[in-house]
């Protein structure tokens, strides 16, 4: 169905370990790194990865694929969790570079990014960075 195809394209071309890119890396206008300080604003719309969009992607994935899709969301959160200790006290930048190593861009502490990542974690029944899922506790 159409929703499944759209989600597959997002997963394959836009999803990164730190968020969903604003533009696919294959697009000629894509800028995977911020480069000079003056290019940061341009990069935000040309391929930056946004954590808040990842939460929305996983909402859609769970809506379309059901509970089985939660495993992918868990994996993303587990990979993202170390970013909570990257330079800001348990906060999340608004965006990251689209290319590895995914350096932070924009606001260093974004309420929107924090809220969306925490909302996703709550939906999954956990806190980011927790080593044991609730369903795996002894």
Protein backbone atom coordinates (compact mmCIF):
# COMPACT_ATOMS: atom_id res chain seq x y z
CA UNK A 1 0.00 0.00 0.00
CA UNK A 2 1.04 3.63 -0.44
CA UNK A 3 1.85 4.29 3.23
CA UNK A 4 4.20 1.31 3.34
CA UNK A 5 6.00 2.48 0.20
CA UNK A 6 6.42 6.00 1.58
CA UNK A 7 7.77 4.70 4.89
CA UNK A 8 10.22 2.44 3.06
CA UNK A 9 11.54 5.40 1.05
CA UNK A 10 11.95 7.42 4.25
CA UNK A 11 13.75 4.54 5.96
CA UNK A 12 16.04 3.92 2.99
CA UNK A 13 16.85 7.52 1.98
CA UNK A 14 16.15 9.87 4.89
CA UNK A 15 16.43 8.06 8.23
CA UNK A 16 19.78 8.44 10.00
CA UNK A 17 20.97 7.45 13.49
CA UNK A 18 20.17 11.00 14.66
CA UNK A 19 16.93 11.84 12.86
CA UNK A 20 15.21 12.16 9.52
CA UNK A 21 16.99 14.19 6.86
CA UNK A 22 15.25 17.17 5.31
CA UNK A 23 16.55 16.12 1.89
CA UNK A 24 17.82 12.84 0.45
CA UNK A 25 21.57 12.50 0.00
CA UNK A 26 20.96 11.73 -3.67
CA UNK A 27 19.36 15.13 -4.30
CA UNK A 28 21.72 17.56 -6.10
CA UNK A 29 20.92 20.27 -3.52
CA UNK A 30 21.90 18.02 -0.59
CA UNK A 31 24.49 19.38 1.85
CA UNK A 32 25.51 16.62 4.24
CA UNK A 33 27.81 18.79 6.31
CA UNK A 34 27.46 22.37 7.45
CA UNK A 35 30.84 23.51 6.20
CA UNK A 36 31.56 27.12 7.04
CA UNK A 37 29.62 28.74 9.87
CA UNK A 38 27.61 30.79 7.36
CA UNK A 39 26.25 27.67 5.68
CA UNK A 40 24.58 26.28 8.78
CA UNK A 41 21.21 27.90 8.03
CA UNK A 42 21.28 26.60 4.47
CA UNK A 43 22.24 23.10 5.60
CA UNK A 44 19.22 22.87 7.90
CA UNK A 45 16.94 22.74 4.86
CA UNK A 46 19.29 20.82 2.60
CA UNK A 47 19.84 17.56 4.36
CA UNK A 48 20.12 18.16 8.09
CA UNK A 49 18.81 15.29 10.21
CA UNK A 50 16.03 16.27 12.62
CA UNK A 51 15.40 14.12 15.74
CA UNK A 52 11.85 15.43 16.06
CA UNK A 53 11.03 14.04 12.61
CA UNK A 54 12.32 10.60 13.58
CA UNK A 55 9.69 10.37 16.31
CA UNK A 56 6.99 11.21 13.78
CA UNK A 57 8.39 8.64 11.36
CA UNK A 58 8.21 5.94 14.03
CA UNK A 59 4.65 6.98 14.92
CA UNK A 60 3.68 6.39 11.30
CA UNK A 61 5.65 3.14 11.12
CA UNK A 62 3.88 1.78 14.20
CA UNK A 63 0.50 2.93 12.87
CA UNK A 64 1.06 1.11 9.56
CA UNK A 65 2.91 -2.01 10.77
CA UNK A 66 1.57 -2.34 14.31
CA UNK A 67 3.43 -3.49 17.38
CA UNK A 68 6.09 -5.30 15.34
CA UNK A 69 7.44 -1.92 14.19
CA UNK A 70 8.35 -0.98 17.74
CA UNK A 71 11.54 -3.03 17.48
CA UNK A 72 12.90 -0.66 14.84
CA UNK A 73 12.03 2.33 17.03
CA UNK A 74 13.81 0.67 19.98
CA UNK A 75 16.94 0.18 17.88
CA UNK A 76 16.91 3.81 16.77
CA UNK A 77 16.47 5.08 20.34
CA UNK A 78 19.26 2.81 21.58
CA UNK A 79 21.59 4.18 18.93
CA UNK A 80 20.48 7.76 19.58
CA UNK A 81 20.73 7.61 23.40
CA UNK A 82 24.48 8.39 23.64
CA UNK A 83 23.72 11.75 21.99
CA UNK A 84 22.05 12.80 25.23
CA UNK A 85 25.52 13.11 26.74
CA UNK A 86 27.10 14.97 23.80
CA UNK A 87 27.95 18.41 25.10
CA UNK A 88 24.59 19.44 26.50
CA UNK A 89 23.18 18.32 29.80
CA UNK A 90 20.60 15.69 28.80
CA UNK A 91 19.35 17.82 25.96
CA UNK A 92 19.16 17.36 22.22
CA UNK A 93 20.19 19.74 19.44
CA UNK A 94 17.52 20.84 16.99
CA UNK A 95 19.29 19.08 14.13
CA UNK A 96 22.44 17.26 13.11
CA UNK A 97 24.46 17.13 9.94
CA UNK A 98 23.00 14.62 7.52
CA UNK A 99 26.35 12.88 7.04
CA UNK A 100 28.36 11.04 9.67
CA UNK A 101 29.65 11.89 12.18
CA UNK A 102 26.38 13.86 12.42
CA UNK A 103 27.68 16.94 14.23
CA UNK A 104 25.02 19.10 15.93
CA UNK A 105 23.47 22.00 14.02
CA UNK A 106 21.22 24.86 15.04
CA UNK A 107 20.02 25.21 18.61
CA UNK A 108 22.10 23.11 20.98
CA UNK A 109 19.14 22.48 23.25
CA UNK A 110 15.86 22.14 21.38
CA UNK A 111 12.66 21.73 23.36
CA UNK A 112 10.96 20.30 20.27
CA UNK A 113 13.64 17.64 19.77
CA UNK A 114 13.65 16.70 23.45
CA UNK A 115 9.86 16.54 23.59
CA UNK A 116 9.53 14.35 20.50
CA UNK A 117 12.27 11.91 21.49
CA UNK A 118 10.83 11.62 25.00
CA UNK A 119 7.32 11.21 23.59
CA UNK A 120 8.55 8.35 21.41
CA UNK A 121 10.34 6.76 24.35
CA UNK A 122 7.20 7.06 26.45
CA UNK A 123 5.12 5.50 23.70
CA UNK A 124 7.55 2.59 23.70
CA UNK A 125 7.42 2.41 27.49
CA UNK A 126 10.99 3.39 28.31
CA UNK A 127 13.53 6.13 28.88
CA UNK A 128 16.24 6.68 26.22
CA UNK A 129 19.50 5.02 27.19
CA UNK A 130 17.89 2.44 29.42
CA UNK A 131 19.80 -0.78 28.92
CA UNK A 132 16.92 -3.19 29.52
CA UNK A 133 13.52 -2.99 27.88
CA UNK A 134 10.55 -3.36 30.22
CA UNK A 135 9.54 -6.60 28.46
CA UNK A 136 13.02 -8.09 29.08
CA UNK A 137 13.23 -7.53 32.83
CA UNK A 138 13.63 -10.60 34.98
